[in-house]
Amino acid sequence: MLTDRPFLETERKPIMNRYTLSALTLAVVAALSAGHALAFDASAPKTREQVKAELAEAIRTGDIVVNGETGQKANELFPGRYPAKPVVEGKTREQVKAELAEAIRTGDIVVDQESGKKANELFPGRYPAKPVAQGKTREQVKTELAEAVRTGQMPLVSTY
């Protein structure tokens, strides 16, 4: 039955058909499982219950990737829907001032923004030398070499 009236908005077919719904479901499942597959540690396998609990917690806190293109998590896209993360205790004003004074004293502060070099790298004579880590003595090295040759870890003579 054809009429001369213009196409009405109410006459459109539904956008969400079975194919679109299936593709969307598959994408969500793939996004959820991708993060857990990368975090797998072979040395400590987790039980099914542990994985389910972790997934439930990630969904509850919004700590799952929902936008594959940008890598944003649900709690980043919709912060009002999820509980706020606990605030990490910071340093006191005195601690920060002490750290800054120590960095200035030792030259461990960036002075050249282009190169990223620190003051003690640009002007080494103005600052105290950094302590050198004590290495092994000559006798310790000789003993280790003899042990390596004896156990076959290092050949006595190289053949070229």
N, C-alpha and C. Protein backbone atom coordinates (compact mmCIF):
# COMPACT_ATOMS: atom_id res chain seq x y z
N MET A 1 0.83 -1.15 0.00
CA MET A 1 0.00 0.00 0.00
C MET A 1 0.89 1.24 0.00
N LEU A 2 0.98 1.90 -1.08
CA LEU A 2 1.79 3.08 -1.24
C LEU A 2 0.95 4.33 -1.05
N THR A 3 1.54 5.27 -0.38
CA THR A 3 0.84 6.55 -0.19
C THR A 3 1.75 7.67 -0.64
N ASP A 4 1.19 8.84 -0.80
CA ASP A 4 1.96 10.00 -1.22
C ASP A 4 2.56 10.77 -0.04
N ARG A 5 2.35 10.31 1.15
CA ARG A 5 2.88 11.04 2.30
C ARG A 5 4.37 10.77 2.46
N PRO A 6 5.09 11.73 3.03
CA PRO A 6 6.54 11.55 3.20
C PRO A 6 6.86 10.48 4.25
N PHE A 7 8.06 10.01 4.16
CA PHE A 7 8.54 8.97 5.08
C PHE A 7 8.56 9.51 6.51
N LEU A 8 7.92 8.82 7.42
CA LEU A 8 7.85 9.26 8.82
C LEU A 8 8.96 8.59 9.62
N GLU A 9 9.42 9.27 10.68
CA GLU A 9 10.47 8.73 11.55
C GLU A 9 10.02 7.43 12.21
N THR A 10 8.74 7.31 12.50
CA THR A 10 8.25 6.13 13.20
C THR A 10 8.23 4.90 12.31
N GLU A 11 8.36 5.07 11.01
CA GLU A 11 8.30 3.94 10.10
C GLU A 11 9.66 3.31 9.84
N ARG A 12 10.71 3.81 10.47
CA ARG A 12 12.04 3.22 10.26
C ARG A 12 12.13 1.85 10.90
N LYS A 13 12.99 1.04 10.33
CA LYS A 13 13.23 -0.28 10.89
C LYS A 13 14.14 -0.14 12.10
N PRO A 14 14.06 -1.05 13.02
CA PRO A 14 14.94 -0.96 14.19
C PRO A 14 16.41 -1.06 13.79
N ILE A 15 17.23 -0.25 14.42
CA ILE A 15 18.66 -0.23 14.11
C ILE A 15 19.35 -1.46 14.69
N MET A 16 18.94 -1.88 15.87
CA MET A 16 19.61 -2.96 16.57
C MET A 16 18.97 -4.29 16.16
N ASN A 17 19.47 -4.88 15.08
CA ASN A 17 18.98 -6.19 14.70
C ASN A 17 19.86 -7.27 15.31
N ARG A 18 19.58 -8.52 15.05
CA ARG A 18 20.34 -9.61 15.66
C ARG A 18 21.81 -9.58 15.29
N TYR A 19 22.11 -9.25 14.04
CA TYR A 19 23.50 -9.23 13.60
C TYR A 19 24.29 -8.16 14.36
N THR A 20 23.72 -6.96 14.47
CA THR A 20 24.40 -5.87 15.17
C THR A 20 24.57 -6.21 16.64
N LEU A 21 23.54 -6.79 17.25
CA LEU A 21 23.61 -7.17 18.65
C LEU A 21 24.68 -8.24 18.87
N SER A 22 24.76 -9.21 17.96
CA SER A 22 25.78 -10.26 18.08
C SER A 22 27.19 -9.69 17.93
N ALA A 23 27.37 -8.79 16.98
CA ALA A 23 28.69 -8.18 16.78
C ALA A 23 29.09 -7.35 17.99
N LEU A 24 28.14 -6.62 18.55
CA LEU A 24 28.42 -5.81 19.74
C LEU A 24 28.77 -6.70 20.93
N THR A 25 28.04 -7.77 21.12
CA THR A 25 28.33 -8.71 22.21
C THR A 25 29.70 -9.33 22.04
N LEU A 26 30.04 -9.72 20.83
CA LEU A 26 31.35 -10.31 20.56
C LEU A 26 32.47 -9.31 20.84
N ALA A 27 32.27 -8.05 20.47
CA ALA A 27 33.28 -7.03 20.72
C ALA A 27 33.49 -6.80 22.21
N VAL A 28 32.41 -6.78 22.98
CA VAL A 28 32.52 -6.58 24.43
C VAL A 28 33.25 -7.75 25.07
N VAL A 29 32.90 -8.97 24.68
CA VAL A 29 33.56 -10.16 25.24
C VAL A 29 35.04 -10.16 24.87
N ALA A 30 35.37 -9.80 23.64
CA ALA A 30 36.77 -9.76 23.22
C ALA A 30 37.54 -8.70 24.00
N ALA A 31 36.93 -7.55 24.22
CA ALA A 31 37.61 -6.49 24.98
C ALA A 31 37.84 -6.90 26.42
N LEU A 32 36.87 -7.57 27.01
CA LEU A 32 37.02 -8.01 28.40
C LEU A 32 38.08 -9.10 28.54
N SER A 33 38.11 -10.01 27.59
CA SER A 33 39.07 -11.12 27.72
C SER A 33 40.47 -10.73 27.28
N ALA A 34 40.63 -9.71 26.45
CA ALA A 34 41.96 -9.31 25.98
C ALA A 34 42.83 -8.81 27.11
N GLY A 35 42.29 -8.02 27.99
CA GLY A 35 43.07 -7.50 29.11
C GLY A 35 43.52 -8.59 30.05
N HIS A 36 42.67 -9.59 30.28
CA HIS A 36 43.03 -10.68 31.18
C HIS A 36 44.00 -11.64 30.52
N ALA A 37 43.94 -11.80 29.21
CA ALA A 37 44.87 -12.70 28.54
C ALA A 37 46.29 -12.14 28.57
N LEU A 38 46.43 -10.83 28.48
CA LEU A 38 47.76 -10.22 28.52
C LEU A 38 48.35 -10.24 29.92
N ALA A 39 47.50 -10.26 30.94
CA ALA A 39 47.98 -10.23 32.32
C ALA A 39 48.23 -11.63 32.86
N PHE A 40 48.16 -12.67 32.05
CA PHE A 40 48.33 -14.04 32.50
C PHE A 40 49.76 -14.29 32.94
N ASP A 41 49.91 -14.87 34.10
CA ASP A 41 51.22 -15.21 34.63
C ASP A 41 51.30 -16.73 34.72
N ALA A 42 52.13 -17.36 33.89
CA ALA A 42 52.20 -18.81 33.82
C ALA A 42 52.71 -19.42 35.12
N SER A 43 53.50 -18.68 35.89
CA SER A 43 54.05 -19.24 37.11
C SER A 43 53.01 -19.35 38.22
N ALA A 44 51.94 -18.59 38.15
CA ALA A 44 50.91 -18.63 39.18
C ALA A 44 49.53 -18.67 38.53
N PRO A 45 49.08 -19.85 38.09
CA PRO A 45 47.77 -19.92 37.46
C PRO A 45 46.66 -19.62 38.47
N LYS A 46 45.62 -18.97 38.00
CA LYS A 46 44.52 -18.59 38.86
C LYS A 46 43.36 -19.55 38.67
N THR A 47 42.57 -19.67 39.70
CA THR A 47 41.39 -20.53 39.61
C THR A 47 40.29 -19.78 38.88
N ARG A 48 39.30 -20.52 38.47
CA ARG A 48 38.17 -19.93 37.76
C ARG A 48 37.46 -18.91 38.65
N GLU A 49 37.35 -19.23 39.94
CA GLU A 49 36.69 -18.33 40.88
C GLU A 49 37.48 -17.02 41.04
N GLN A 50 38.81 -17.12 41.07
CA GLN A 50 39.64 -15.92 41.18
C GLN A 50 39.45 -15.01 39.97
N VAL A 51 39.43 -15.62 38.79
CA VAL A 51 39.25 -14.84 37.57
C VAL A 51 37.88 -14.18 37.55
N LYS A 52 36.86 -14.93 37.95
CA LYS A 52 35.51 -14.36 37.99
C LYS A 52 35.44 -13.20 38.99
N ALA A 53 36.09 -13.37 40.14
CA ALA A 53 36.08 -12.31 41.15
C ALA A 53 36.81 -11.07 40.63
N GLU A 54 37.94 -11.27 39.95
CA GLU A 54 38.68 -10.13 39.39
C GLU A 54 37.87 -9.41 38.33
N LEU A 55 37.19 -10.18 37.48
CA LEU A 55 36.37 -9.57 36.44
C LEU A 55 35.21 -8.78 37.05
N ALA A 56 34.57 -9.36 38.06
CA ALA A 56 33.46 -8.66 38.71
C ALA A 56 33.95 -7.37 39.36
N GLU A 57 35.12 -7.41 39.98
CA GLU A 57 35.69 -6.21 40.61
C GLU A 57 36.04 -5.16 39.55
N ALA A 58 36.61 -5.60 38.42
CA ALA A 58 36.96 -4.67 37.35
C ALA A 58 35.72 -4.02 36.76
N ILE A 59 34.66 -4.80 36.61
CA ILE A 59 33.41 -4.23 36.08
C ILE A 59 32.82 -3.26 37.10
N ARG A 60 32.86 -3.63 38.39
CA ARG A 60 32.30 -2.78 39.44
C ARG A 60 33.02 -1.44 39.53
N THR A 61 34.35 -1.47 39.38
CA THR A 61 35.13 -0.23 39.50
C THR A 61 35.35 0.47 38.17
N GLY A 62 34.93 -0.15 37.06
CA GLY A 62 35.11 0.46 35.75
C GLY A 62 36.52 0.36 35.23
N ASP A 63 37.27 -0.60 35.74
CA ASP A 63 38.68 -0.75 35.37
C ASP A 63 38.85 -1.71 34.20
N ILE A 64 38.00 -1.58 33.19
CA ILE A 64 38.09 -2.39 31.98
C ILE A 64 38.06 -1.46 30.77
N VAL A 65 38.77 -1.85 29.73
CA VAL A 65 38.84 -1.03 28.52
C VAL A 65 37.53 -1.15 27.76
N VAL A 66 36.92 -0.02 27.45
CA VAL A 66 35.66 -0.02 26.71
C VAL A 66 35.80 0.62 25.34
N ASN A 67 36.86 1.37 25.14
CA ASN A 67 37.09 2.00 23.84
C ASN A 67 38.42 1.49 23.31
N GLY A 68 38.37 0.54 22.39
CA GLY A 68 39.57 -0.08 21.87
C GLY A 68 40.47 0.85 21.10
N GLU A 69 39.90 1.88 20.49
CA GLU A 69 40.72 2.80 19.70
C GLU A 69 41.59 3.69 20.58
N THR A 70 41.02 4.20 21.67
CA THR A 70 41.77 5.10 22.54
C THR A 70 42.34 4.39 23.75
N GLY A 71 41.84 3.20 24.06
CA GLY A 71 42.31 2.47 25.23
C GLY A 71 41.76 3.00 26.53
N GLN A 72 40.70 3.80 26.47
CA GLN A 72 40.13 4.36 27.69
C GLN A 72 39.31 3.32 28.44
N LYS A 73 39.37 3.42 29.74
CA LYS A 73 38.60 2.52 30.60
C LYS A 73 37.25 3.16 30.90
N ALA A 74 36.32 2.33 31.37
CA ALA A 74 34.97 2.82 31.66
C ALA A 74 34.99 3.92 32.71
N ASN A 75 35.84 3.78 33.73
CA ASN A 75 35.88 4.81 34.78
C ASN A 75 36.52 6.10 34.31
N GLU A 76 37.22 6.08 33.18
CA GLU A 76 37.77 7.30 32.61
C GLU A 76 36.74 8.00 31.71
N LEU A 77 35.95 7.20 31.00
CA LEU A 77 34.93 7.78 30.13
C LEU A 77 33.73 8.29 30.92
N PHE A 78 33.33 7.54 31.94
CA PHE A 78 32.15 7.88 32.74
C PHE A 78 32.51 7.89 34.23
N PRO A 79 33.27 8.89 34.69
CA PRO A 79 33.73 8.89 36.08
C PRO A 79 32.62 8.98 37.11
N GLY A 80 31.48 9.53 36.75
CA GLY A 80 30.38 9.66 37.70
C GLY A 80 29.69 8.34 38.01
N ARG A 81 29.88 7.33 37.18
CA ARG A 81 29.20 6.05 37.38
C ARG A 81 29.96 5.10 38.30
N TYR A 82 31.19 5.42 38.64
CA TYR A 82 32.03 4.49 39.39
C TYR A 82 32.57 5.17 40.65
N PRO A 83 32.89 4.35 41.67
CA PRO A 83 33.43 4.95 42.90
C PRO A 83 34.79 5.59 42.64
N ALA A 84 35.07 6.65 43.38
CA ALA A 84 36.34 7.35 43.22
C ALA A 84 37.47 6.49 43.76
N LYS A 85 38.63 6.59 43.13
CA LYS A 85 39.80 5.85 43.59
C LYS A 85 40.30 6.48 44.88
N PRO A 86 40.84 5.65 45.79
CA PRO A 86 41.34 6.22 47.04
C PRO A 86 42.52 7.15 46.79
N VAL A 87 42.57 8.22 47.56
CA VAL A 87 43.62 9.21 47.42
C VAL A 87 44.90 8.67 48.05
N VAL A 88 45.99 8.75 47.31
CA VAL A 88 47.28 8.28 47.81
C VAL A 88 47.88 9.37 48.69
N GLU A 89 48.39 8.96 49.83
CA GLU A 89 48.99 9.92 50.76
C GLU A 89 50.23 10.51 50.12
N GLY A 90 50.31 11.82 50.06
CA GLY A 90 51.44 12.51 49.45
C GLY A 90 52.51 12.84 50.46
N LYS A 91 53.50 13.55 50.00
CA LYS A 91 54.60 13.98 50.87
C LYS A 91 54.24 15.29 51.54
N THR A 92 54.85 15.52 52.68
CA THR A 92 54.62 16.79 53.38
C THR A 92 55.42 17.89 52.69
N ARG A 93 55.08 19.11 53.00
CA ARG A 93 55.78 20.27 52.43
C ARG A 93 57.25 20.24 52.81
N GLU A 94 57.54 19.85 54.04
CA GLU A 94 58.92 19.79 54.51
C GLU A 94 59.72 18.73 53.75
N GLN A 95 59.09 17.58 53.47
CA GLN A 95 59.77 16.53 52.72
C GLN A 95 60.12 17.00 51.31
N VAL A 96 59.19 17.67 50.67
CA VAL A 96 59.42 18.16 49.31
C VAL A 96 60.52 19.21 49.31
N LYS A 97 60.50 20.11 50.28
CA LYS A 97 61.54 21.14 50.36
C LYS A 97 62.91 20.51 50.61
N ALA A 98 62.98 19.48 51.45
CA ALA A 98 64.24 18.81 51.73
C ALA A 98 64.77 18.10 50.49
N GLU A 99 63.88 17.45 49.73
CA GLU A 99 64.29 16.78 48.50
C GLU A 99 64.80 17.80 47.48
N LEU A 100 64.13 18.92 47.35
CA LEU A 100 64.56 19.96 46.41
C LEU A 100 65.92 20.52 46.81
N ALA A 101 66.11 20.78 48.09
CA ALA A 101 67.40 21.31 48.56
C ALA A 101 68.52 20.31 48.29
N GLU A 102 68.27 19.02 48.49
CA GLU A 102 69.28 17.98 48.22
C GLU A 102 69.58 17.91 46.73
N ALA A 103 68.55 17.99 45.88
CA ALA A 103 68.75 17.95 44.43
C ALA A 103 69.55 19.16 43.96
N ILE A 104 69.29 20.32 44.52
CA ILE A 104 70.05 21.52 44.14
C ILE A 104 71.49 21.39 44.61
N ARG A 105 71.69 20.87 45.84
CA ARG A 105 73.04 20.73 46.39
C ARG A 105 73.89 19.76 45.56
N THR A 106 73.28 18.67 45.09
CA THR A 106 74.03 17.66 44.34
C THR A 106 73.99 17.90 42.83
N GLY A 107 73.22 18.89 42.37
CA GLY A 107 73.12 19.17 40.94
C GLY A 107 72.23 18.19 40.21
N ASP A 108 71.39 17.49 40.93
CA ASP A 108 70.53 16.47 40.35
C ASP A 108 69.19 17.09 39.95
N ILE A 109 69.26 18.21 39.23
CA ILE A 109 68.07 18.92 38.80
C ILE A 109 68.28 19.35 37.35
N VAL A 110 67.25 19.19 36.52
CA VAL A 110 67.36 19.51 35.09
C VAL A 110 67.46 21.02 34.91
N VAL A 111 68.51 21.44 34.17
CA VAL A 111 68.69 22.87 33.90
C VAL A 111 68.58 23.20 32.42
N ASP A 112 68.79 22.22 31.55
CA ASP A 112 68.68 22.44 30.11
C ASP A 112 67.48 21.65 29.61
N GLN A 113 66.39 22.35 29.33
CA GLN A 113 65.15 21.69 28.94
C GLN A 113 65.25 20.99 27.59
N GLU A 114 66.05 21.53 26.67
CA GLU A 114 66.17 20.92 25.35
C GLU A 114 66.85 19.57 25.39
N SER A 115 67.98 19.51 26.08
CA SER A 115 68.73 18.25 26.13
C SER A 115 68.31 17.38 27.30
N GLY A 116 67.69 17.98 28.31
CA GLY A 116 67.30 17.24 29.49
C GLY A 116 68.45 16.96 30.43
N LYS A 117 69.58 17.66 30.23
CA LYS A 117 70.75 17.43 31.07
C LYS A 117 70.59 18.10 32.43
N LYS A 118 71.20 17.46 33.40
CA LYS A 118 71.15 17.97 34.77
C LYS A 118 72.35 18.88 35.00
N ALA A 119 72.28 19.67 36.07
CA ALA A 119 73.34 20.63 36.40
C ALA A 119 74.67 19.92 36.64
N ASN A 120 74.64 18.76 37.30
CA ASN A 120 75.90 18.05 37.58
C ASN A 120 76.49 17.41 36.33
N GLU A 121 75.72 17.30 35.25
CA GLU A 121 76.25 16.80 33.99
C GLU A 121 76.86 17.94 33.17
N LEU A 122 76.25 19.12 33.24
CA LEU A 122 76.76 20.27 32.50
C LEU A 122 77.95 20.92 33.19
N PHE A 123 77.93 20.98 34.51
CA PHE A 123 78.99 21.62 35.29
C PHE A 123 79.48 20.67 36.39
N PRO A 124 80.20 19.61 36.03
CA PRO A 124 80.59 18.61 37.03
C PRO A 124 81.52 19.14 38.11
N GLY A 125 82.28 20.19 37.85
CA GLY A 125 83.20 20.72 38.84
C GLY A 125 82.52 21.46 39.99
N ARG A 126 81.28 21.86 39.81
CA ARG A 126 80.57 22.63 40.83
C ARG A 126 79.90 21.75 41.89
N TYR A 127 79.84 20.45 41.64
CA TYR A 127 79.07 19.58 42.53
C TYR A 127 79.95 18.42 43.01
N PRO A 128 79.63 17.87 44.17
CA PRO A 128 80.42 16.74 44.67
C PRO A 128 80.27 15.54 43.74
N ALA A 129 81.35 14.77 43.61
CA ALA A 129 81.33 13.59 42.75
C ALA A 129 80.43 12.53 43.37
N LYS A 130 79.74 11.79 42.52
CA LYS A 130 78.90 10.70 43.01
C LYS A 130 79.81 9.57 43.46
N PRO A 131 79.47 8.91 44.55
CA PRO A 131 80.32 7.81 45.02
C PRO A 131 80.32 6.66 44.01
N VAL A 132 81.50 6.11 43.76
CA VAL A 132 81.65 5.01 42.82
C VAL A 132 81.43 3.71 43.58
N ALA A 133 80.66 2.82 43.01
CA ALA A 133 80.41 1.54 43.65
C ALA A 133 81.69 0.72 43.65
N GLN A 134 81.96 0.08 44.77
CA GLN A 134 83.17 -0.72 44.90
C GLN A 134 83.05 -1.96 44.02
N GLY A 135 84.03 -2.17 43.16
CA GLY A 135 84.04 -3.34 42.30
C GLY A 135 84.77 -4.49 42.95
N LYS A 136 85.03 -5.52 42.17
CA LYS A 136 85.75 -6.69 42.68
C LYS A 136 87.24 -6.44 42.61
N THR A 137 87.95 -7.11 43.49
CA THR A 137 89.41 -7.00 43.46
C THR A 137 89.95 -7.87 42.35
N ARG A 138 91.21 -7.65 42.02
CA ARG A 138 91.87 -8.44 40.98
C ARG A 138 91.87 -9.92 41.35
N GLU A 139 92.11 -10.22 42.62
CA GLU A 139 92.13 -11.61 43.08
C GLU A 139 90.76 -12.27 42.94
N GLN A 140 89.69 -11.53 43.22
CA GLN A 140 88.34 -12.08 43.09
C GLN A 140 88.04 -12.41 41.63
N VAL A 141 88.45 -11.54 40.72
CA VAL A 141 88.22 -11.78 39.29
C VAL A 141 89.01 -12.99 38.83
N LYS A 142 90.27 -13.11 39.26
CA LYS A 142 91.10 -14.26 38.88
C LYS A 142 90.48 -15.56 39.39
N THR A 143 89.98 -15.54 40.61
CA THR A 143 89.36 -16.74 41.19
C THR A 143 88.12 -17.13 40.40
N GLU A 144 87.28 -16.16 40.05
CA GLU A 144 86.08 -16.44 39.26
C GLU A 144 86.43 -16.99 37.89
N LEU A 145 87.47 -16.44 37.25
CA LEU A 145 87.90 -16.92 35.94
C LEU A 145 88.38 -18.36 36.03
N ALA A 146 89.18 -18.67 37.03
CA ALA A 146 89.68 -20.04 37.20
C ALA A 146 88.52 -21.01 37.41
N GLU A 147 87.52 -20.61 38.19
CA GLU A 147 86.35 -21.46 38.44
C GLU A 147 85.55 -21.67 37.15
N ALA A 148 85.40 -20.62 36.34
CA ALA A 148 84.66 -20.74 35.09
C ALA A 148 85.38 -21.65 34.11
N VAL A 149 86.72 -21.57 34.05
CA VAL A 149 87.50 -22.45 33.17
C VAL A 149 87.39 -23.89 33.66
N ARG A 150 87.46 -24.09 34.98
CA ARG A 150 87.41 -25.43 35.56
C ARG A 150 86.06 -26.11 35.29
N THR A 151 84.96 -25.36 35.38
CA THR A 151 83.64 -25.95 35.17
C THR A 151 83.22 -25.99 33.71
N GLY A 152 84.03 -25.43 32.82
CA GLY A 152 83.72 -25.48 31.40
C GLY A 152 82.82 -24.36 30.92
N GLN A 153 82.56 -23.38 31.75
CA GLN A 153 81.72 -22.25 31.34
C GLN A 153 82.48 -21.29 30.44
N MET A 154 83.81 -21.35 30.48
CA MET A 154 84.63 -20.47 29.65
C MET A 154 85.82 -21.29 29.16
N PRO A 155 86.03 -21.36 27.84
CA PRO A 155 87.17 -22.13 27.34
C PRO A 155 88.49 -21.44 27.71
N LEU A 156 89.51 -22.26 27.94
CA LEU A 156 90.82 -21.74 28.31
C LEU A 156 91.46 -21.00 27.14
N VAL A 157 91.35 -21.59 25.93
CA VAL A 157 91.95 -20.99 24.74
C VAL A 157 90.86 -20.89 23.68
N SER A 158 90.75 -19.73 23.07
CA SER A 158 89.77 -19.58 22.00
C SER A 158 90.41 -20.01 20.70
N THR A 159 89.65 -20.71 19.87
CA THR A 159 90.17 -21.18 18.58
C THR A 159 89.54 -20.36 17.47
N TYR A 160 90.39 -19.66 16.73
CA TYR A 160 89.91 -18.86 15.61
C TYR A 160 90.46 -19.39 14.34
